[in-house]
Protein backbone atom coordinates (compact mmCIF):
# COMPACT_ATOMS: atom_id res chain seq x y z
CA UNK A 1 -19.10 0.11 11.52
CA UNK A 2 -16.74 -2.75 10.45
CA UNK A 3 -14.88 -2.56 7.87
CA UNK A 4 -13.08 -5.82 6.04
CA UNK A 5 -9.37 -5.56 6.28
CA UNK A 6 -8.12 -8.14 4.00
CA UNK A 7 -4.45 -7.34 4.03
CA UNK A 8 -4.09 -7.97 7.17
CA UNK A 9 -1.30 -10.63 7.47
CA UNK A 10 0.45 -10.55 10.31
CA UNK A 11 -0.03 -9.40 14.03
CA UNK A 12 1.18 -5.95 13.87
CA UNK A 13 -0.77 -5.15 10.67
CA UNK A 14 -3.83 -4.38 13.18
CA UNK A 15 -1.92 -1.84 15.36
CA UNK A 16 -0.85 0.01 12.20
CA UNK A 17 -4.51 -0.24 11.20
CA UNK A 18 -5.81 1.59 14.64
CA UNK A 19 -3.44 3.77 14.64
CA UNK A 20 -3.66 5.19 10.98
CA UNK A 21 -7.71 5.53 11.73
CA UNK A 22 -7.48 6.93 15.25
CA UNK A 23 -5.41 9.83 14.01
CA UNK A 24 -8.68 10.47 11.87
CA UNK A 25 -10.15 13.55 13.14
CA UNK A 26 -14.02 12.80 14.56
CA UNK A 27 -13.05 8.70 15.06
CA UNK A 28 -13.69 7.54 18.54
CA UNK A 29 -13.00 3.89 19.11
CA UNK A 30 -11.30 1.49 17.30
CA UNK A 31 -10.04 -1.90 17.37
CA UNK A 32 -9.18 -4.45 14.47
CA UNK A 33 -8.40 -7.89 14.24
CA UNK A 34 -5.89 -10.63 13.25
CA UNK A 35 -7.90 -13.01 13.15
CA UNK A 36 -11.20 -11.58 11.27
CA UNK A 37 -9.24 -9.53 9.24
CA UNK A 38 -11.79 -6.73 9.86
CA UNK A 39 -11.46 -3.15 11.93
CA UNK A 40 -14.25 -1.94 14.21
CA UNK A 41 -14.81 2.12 14.30
CA UNK A 42 -16.99 4.52 16.18
CA UNK A 43 -16.96 7.92 14.67
CA UNK A 44 -18.50 11.26 14.51
CA UNK A 45 -20.35 11.81 10.95
CA UNK A 46 -20.18 14.90 11.39
CA UNK A 47 -16.52 15.50 11.40
CA UNK A 48 -15.86 12.11 8.57
CA UNK A 49 -17.56 9.59 6.62
CA UNK A 50 -16.61 6.37 5.45
CA UNK A 51 -14.82 7.39 2.37
CA UNK A 52 -12.15 9.17 4.41
CA UNK A 53 -11.95 6.12 6.63
CA UNK A 54 -11.23 3.67 3.86
CA UNK A 55 -8.90 6.62 2.21
CA UNK A 56 -6.93 6.39 5.67
CA UNK A 57 -6.70 3.01 5.83
CA UNK A 58 -5.65 2.59 1.94
CA UNK A 59 -3.25 4.96 2.47
CA UNK A 60 -1.62 2.93 5.04
CA UNK A 61 -1.44 -0.20 2.72
CA UNK A 62 -4.60 -1.90 3.94
CA UNK A 63 -7.25 -1.26 1.68
CA UNK A 64 -10.34 -1.86 2.78
CA UNK A 65 -14.66 -1.98 2.67
CA UNK A 66 -17.87 -1.54 4.85
CA UNK A 67 -18.86 -4.74 5.80
CA UNK A 68 -22.89 -4.49 5.35
CA UNK A 69 -24.24 -6.00 8.72
CA UNK A 70 -27.15 -4.72 10.92
CA UNK A 71 -24.75 -5.50 14.04
CA UNK A 72 -21.49 -3.16 12.31
CA UNK A 73 -20.97 -0.39 14.92
CA UNK A 74 -22.73 3.02 14.20
CA UNK A 75 -21.49 6.24 14.07
CA UNK A 76 -21.31 7.80 17.46
CA UNK A 77 -22.82 11.23 18.14
């Protein structure tokens, strides 16, 4: 699943987004990008959900929303 994170404005921001999401139980892999202002997340949908991931990025100061795409990463099982 890919999140749009428009608040990523410097090279340190992706690290903060990644670290925040990585702490969520059920999150597998996280990759955030300064260039595209996105975060790609794989997660176990039995342990967390999109709303929880968006809440975590928002609490970290980076409001986000899902990017609807056929090529977006699917939740890991």
